[in-house]
Structures are given as C-alpha cells and as structure tokens.
Amino acid sequence: MQETNNSRVNQRIATISAHLNPPRFSHMEGSSGLGRADCRAKGGSTGFKVAILGAAGGIGQPLSLLMKMNPLVSVLHLYDVVNTPGVTADISHMDTGAVVRGFLGQQQLEEALTGMDLVIIPAGVPRKPGMTRDDLFNINAGIVKTLCEGIAKCCPKAIVNLISNPVNSTVPIAAEVFKKAGTFDPNRLLGVTMLDVVRANTFVVTTKLAIGLSFFVVN
C-alpha cells in the first residue's frame, strides 16, 4: 500500500513538473514580442487550431477557458488590444493539452490568425446604459471589418463564429469583407445568437408564469 501511495505521489509530482515546465516546440514558436505562455502538459495530439479575437473581454475570458478545456483543441491563440498577457498566463496554467499563445495589439493580428481552423470573434464594446443599437453598430462595425480583413488574408478557409453585437448587422459586414477578398463561403460564416435565444426563452417563461401557466415547454 505504501509503495502504491508513493507511486501516485511521484506520478503527481511528474505531472505538475511537466505542466510548469512544458517542452519547447520550435515549429510552434513565433516571433511575437509578447513573451507568450505555452502549455502542453499532456502532449499535443492532433486537433483544431482556434483563435479568439477579443479574448480579454467579458465574453472572451470565459470563452478562452472553455476552449482550453476542450479536448478537440490543440492550439489556442488569444488576441486582444489590451490585457492579453495576463489572460494568456491564467489560461495556460490549466492542465490540458492545448498550446496557448497570446497576441497583443494590431501589429500581432496576422500572426494570431495564421493557420487557424476556427476563429471566434467576441471583440467589441458592450452596450452601455444610454447606448442605442445604432451607437453599438457604429463602434463594432469598424472592429469587425478590421478583424475580418485579417482573417481573409491569413486563414481564408477558417470557420468564423461572430459574437460581436449587433450580430444581425456584423455578420453581413463580415460577409461583404470576405466577398471583396474573394474568400466568402456562407457555410463558414456563422453568427452566434445563443444569448438572444436564452433571453427570449426567459421572457416567454416569465410571461407564461405571470398569466398562471404552471407547466409548459419552451424551445
């Protein structure tokens, strides 16, 4: 029994050591001056290369966490114009197999996008009190345009999931950018509206409860 316990302790120490001091993979290293954090505690099996644009924001941070936990992701690139180093360091400490790299600022956008299979865009400003959807559009439209131009250049075959609001306006902008670049594929550009669906379901449930319905299914 003692020998078994010692074996487990040694195995745990080895795992922690490998996690804190991951091997260097020269073919995956870039020239970014950010000092990216790499994490490959369990080795790098073949998987999807994913980039999150807007990784330091309120949606980007938990999304980065979920992607790091996903066993189908082998490489995770985190891009934002601020605070990327801290988010990258935190996410890279998780004991999963994905290699995590951070990219900071417009000058590193192309490097963040090169070779990606999936690009998720939560970038943009959230709607603040007093802001109309037109105000939100005027700000986020330019952000989405710039990011999509980078995608068209660096990973034109990638699947693009667009979260930036208002989605019903930012998706057409992305489509026009890709059409202009000759890379548009309607099967590879998706607007993520799950939050709107959840809110709509909640409003329906609240209304039905208010009128006295106690059993119903909302879908």
Protein backbone atom coordinates (compact mmCIF):
# COMPACT_ATOMS: atom_id res chain seq x y z
CA MET A 1 0.00 0.00 0.00
CA GLN A 2 2.81 2.39 0.91
CA GLU A 3 4.52 1.64 -2.39
CA THR A 4 1.30 2.39 -4.26
CA ASN A 5 0.88 5.71 -2.45
CA ASN A 6 4.48 6.66 -3.21
CA SER A 7 3.94 5.80 -6.85
CA ARG A 8 0.88 8.05 -7.01
CA VAL A 9 2.75 10.90 -5.32
CA ASN A 10 5.65 10.58 -7.75
CA GLN A 11 3.28 10.48 -10.68
CA ARG A 12 1.52 13.62 -9.47
CA ILE A 13 4.85 15.41 -8.98
CA ALA A 14 5.89 14.44 -12.51
CA THR A 15 2.61 15.76 -13.90
CA ILE A 16 2.95 19.08 -12.08
CA SER A 17 6.57 19.38 -13.18
CA ALA A 18 5.67 18.77 -16.81
CA HIS A 19 2.89 21.32 -16.54
CA LEU A 20 5.07 24.03 -15.03
CA ASN A 21 7.97 23.34 -17.39
CA PRO A 22 6.44 22.31 -20.72
CA PRO A 23 8.81 21.28 -23.54
CA ARG A 24 9.57 23.78 -26.26
CA PHE A 25 8.26 23.01 -29.71
CA SER A 26 10.31 25.01 -32.18
CA HIS A 27 7.87 24.51 -35.05
CA MET A 28 5.15 26.17 -32.98
CA GLU A 29 7.15 29.08 -31.69
CA GLY A 30 6.56 32.52 -33.16
CA SER A 31 8.44 35.78 -33.09
CA SER A 32 5.96 37.75 -31.01
CA GLY A 33 7.47 40.11 -28.50
CA LEU A 34 4.68 39.37 -26.04
CA GLY A 35 6.53 36.51 -24.39
CA ARG A 36 3.76 34.00 -24.96
CA ALA A 37 2.95 31.26 -22.50
CA ASP A 38 2.92 27.73 -23.91
CA CYS A 39 1.21 24.86 -22.13
CA ARG A 40 1.35 21.29 -23.30
CA ALA A 41 1.12 19.26 -20.14
CA LYS A 42 -0.28 16.16 -21.78
CA GLY A 43 1.42 16.32 -25.14
CA GLY A 44 -0.01 17.65 -28.35
CA SER A 45 -2.44 15.41 -30.15
CA THR A 46 -3.83 16.47 -33.49
CA GLY A 47 -6.76 18.83 -33.06
CA PHE A 48 -8.25 22.12 -34.11
CA LYS A 49 -6.35 25.40 -34.12
CA VAL A 50 -8.60 28.05 -32.62
CA ALA A 51 -8.18 31.83 -32.37
CA ILE A 52 -10.28 34.02 -30.09
CA LEU A 53 -10.31 37.69 -31.09
CA GLY A 54 -11.29 39.78 -28.09
CA ALA A 55 -10.02 37.22 -25.59
CA ALA A 56 -9.56 39.69 -22.73
CA GLY A 57 -13.18 40.87 -22.66
CA GLY A 58 -16.15 39.83 -20.57
CA ILE A 59 -17.14 37.12 -23.04
CA GLY A 60 -13.65 36.37 -24.31
CA GLN A 61 -12.20 35.31 -20.97
CA PRO A 62 -14.72 32.57 -20.07
CA LEU A 63 -14.78 31.53 -23.72
CA SER A 64 -10.99 31.11 -23.64
CA LEU A 65 -11.37 28.99 -20.52
CA LEU A 66 -13.91 26.72 -22.21
CA MET A 67 -11.74 26.34 -25.31
CA LYS A 68 -8.72 25.41 -23.17
CA MET A 69 -10.82 22.69 -21.55
CA ASN A 70 -12.00 21.32 -24.91
CA PRO A 71 -10.06 18.14 -25.81
CA LEU A 72 -10.60 18.82 -29.53
CA VAL A 73 -8.47 22.00 -29.38
CA SER A 74 -4.73 21.54 -29.85
CA VAL A 75 -3.66 25.17 -30.35
CA LEU A 76 -5.38 28.20 -28.81
CA HIS A 77 -4.46 31.74 -29.85
CA LEU A 78 -5.74 34.58 -27.66
CA TYR A 79 -5.80 38.04 -29.23
CA ASP A 80 -6.87 41.42 -27.92
CA VAL A 81 -5.70 45.02 -27.92
CA VAL A 82 -5.29 45.11 -24.12
CA ASN A 83 -4.61 42.75 -21.20
CA THR A 84 -3.79 39.68 -23.29
CA PRO A 85 -0.61 38.70 -21.37
CA GLY A 86 -2.48 38.25 -18.08
CA VAL A 87 -5.34 36.28 -19.61
CA THR A 88 -2.88 34.09 -21.51
CA ALA A 89 -0.90 33.33 -18.37
CA ASP A 90 -4.01 32.39 -16.40
CA ILE A 91 -5.46 30.17 -19.13
CA SER A 92 -2.15 28.46 -19.87
CA HIS A 93 -1.90 27.22 -16.27
CA MET A 94 -4.77 24.79 -16.84
CA ASP A 95 -3.63 21.18 -17.05
CA THR A 96 -4.97 20.36 -20.51
CA GLY A 97 -3.24 19.59 -23.78
CA ALA A 98 -3.86 22.75 -25.82
CA VAL A 99 -0.91 25.03 -26.53
CA VAL A 100 -1.87 28.58 -25.53
CA ARG A 101 -0.34 31.70 -27.06
CA GLY A 102 -1.24 35.33 -26.53
CA PHE A 103 -1.07 38.18 -29.03
CA LEU A 104 -1.32 41.85 -28.14
CA GLY A 105 -2.25 44.71 -30.43
CA GLN A 106 -2.97 45.27 -34.10
CA GLN A 107 0.63 44.53 -35.10
CA GLN A 108 0.24 40.91 -33.98
CA LEU A 109 -3.18 40.22 -35.50
CA GLU A 110 -1.88 38.46 -38.61
CA GLU A 111 0.41 36.25 -36.55
CA ALA A 112 -2.50 35.32 -34.31
CA LEU A 113 -4.62 34.28 -37.30
CA THR A 114 -2.13 32.41 -39.47
CA GLY A 115 -3.07 28.75 -39.91
CA MET A 116 -6.22 28.79 -37.77
CA ASP A 117 -9.11 26.36 -38.37
CA LEU A 118 -11.68 28.24 -36.29
CA VAL A 119 -11.88 31.94 -35.43
CA ILE A 120 -14.30 33.13 -32.75
CA ILE A 121 -14.94 36.88 -32.50
CA PRO A 122 -16.39 38.28 -29.26
CA ALA A 123 -14.43 41.52 -29.81
CA GLY A 124 -16.13 44.88 -29.50
CA VAL A 125 -17.65 47.11 -26.87
CA PRO A 126 -20.66 46.02 -24.79
CA ARG A 127 -23.84 48.05 -24.89
CA LYS A 128 -23.74 50.64 -22.12
CA PRO A 129 -26.64 52.50 -20.49
CA GLY A 130 -27.98 55.11 -22.87
CA MET A 131 -26.45 53.50 -25.96
CA THR A 132 -28.70 52.60 -28.86
CA ARG A 133 -28.02 49.65 -31.13
CA ASP A 134 -27.02 52.20 -33.76
CA ASP A 135 -24.34 53.54 -31.41
CA LEU A 136 -23.15 49.99 -30.80
CA PHE A 137 -23.06 49.28 -34.52
CA ASN A 138 -21.03 52.38 -35.31
CA ILE A 139 -18.27 51.22 -32.98
CA ASN A 140 -18.28 47.47 -33.51
CA ALA A 141 -18.68 47.58 -37.28
CA GLY A 142 -15.19 49.00 -37.72
CA ILE A 143 -13.70 46.46 -35.32
CA VAL A 144 -15.32 43.53 -37.13
CA LYS A 145 -14.24 44.87 -40.53
CA THR A 146 -10.59 45.07 -39.47
CA LEU A 147 -10.58 41.60 -37.93
CA CYS A 148 -12.27 40.01 -40.94
CA GLU A 149 -9.76 41.59 -43.30
CA GLY A 150 -7.07 39.83 -41.30
CA ILE A 151 -8.96 36.53 -41.49
CA ALA A 152 -9.39 36.82 -45.26
CA LYS A 153 -5.65 37.31 -45.61
CA CYS A 154 -4.24 34.83 -43.08
CA CYS A 155 -6.76 31.99 -42.74
CA PRO A 156 -9.33 32.30 -45.55
CA LYS A 157 -10.55 28.70 -45.08
CA ALA A 158 -11.26 29.08 -41.36
CA ILE A 159 -14.75 28.79 -39.92
CA VAL A 160 -15.72 32.14 -38.39
CA ASN A 161 -18.10 32.43 -35.42
CA LEU A 162 -19.17 36.03 -34.90
CA ILE A 163 -20.47 37.06 -31.48
CA SER A 164 -19.93 40.84 -31.68
CA ASN A 165 -23.19 42.76 -31.41
CA PRO A 166 -25.41 43.61 -33.14
CA VAL A 167 -24.96 40.18 -34.75
CA ASN A 168 -27.67 40.76 -37.36
CA SER A 169 -25.54 43.64 -38.66
CA THR A 170 -21.98 42.50 -38.03
CA VAL A 171 -22.43 39.19 -39.90
CA PRO A 172 -23.37 40.97 -43.16
CA ILE A 173 -20.33 43.24 -42.72
CA ALA A 174 -18.09 40.20 -42.38
CA ALA A 175 -19.71 38.64 -45.44
CA GLU A 176 -19.03 41.74 -47.53
CA VAL A 177 -15.39 41.84 -46.42
CA PHE A 178 -14.93 38.19 -47.42
CA LYS A 179 -16.73 38.72 -50.74
CA LYS A 180 -14.42 41.61 -51.56
CA ALA A 181 -11.41 39.41 -50.78
CA GLY A 182 -12.83 36.51 -52.80
CA THR A 183 -12.92 34.18 -49.79
CA PHE A 184 -16.61 34.19 -48.85
CA ASP A 185 -18.18 30.82 -48.02
CA PRO A 186 -21.67 31.01 -46.48
CA ASN A 187 -21.09 27.65 -44.81
CA ARG A 188 -18.09 29.02 -42.90
CA LEU A 189 -19.54 32.27 -41.51
CA LEU A 190 -21.85 31.91 -38.52
CA GLY A 191 -23.50 34.40 -36.19
CA VAL A 192 -23.71 33.18 -32.59
CA THR A 193 -27.12 34.08 -31.14
CA MET A 194 -27.40 31.70 -28.19
CA LEU A 195 -27.56 34.58 -25.71
CA ASP A 196 -30.53 36.06 -27.57
CA VAL A 197 -32.26 32.66 -27.60
CA VAL A 198 -31.76 32.23 -23.85
CA ARG A 199 -33.13 35.72 -23.19
CA ALA A 200 -36.14 35.13 -25.44
CA ASN A 201 -36.93 31.84 -23.69
CA THR A 202 -36.68 33.58 -20.32
CA PHE A 203 -39.11 36.30 -21.38
CA VAL A 204 -41.59 33.69 -22.63
CA VAL A 205 -41.37 31.72 -19.38
CA THR A 206 -41.80 34.86 -17.28
CA THR A 207 -44.87 35.89 -19.28
CA LYS A 208 -46.48 32.45 -19.05
CA LEU A 209 -45.90 32.30 -15.31
CA ALA A 210 -47.46 35.74 -14.96
CA ILE A 211 -50.69 34.55 -16.58
CA GLY A 212 -50.89 31.45 -14.42
CA LEU A 213 -49.49 28.68 -16.61
CA SER A 214 -47.59 26.23 -14.43
CA PHE A 215 -46.46 23.56 -16.91
CA PHE A 216 -45.10 24.26 -20.35
CA VAL A 217 -42.11 23.63 -22.55
CA VAL A 218 -40.17 26.48 -24.12
CA ASN A 219 -38.00 25.76 -27.12
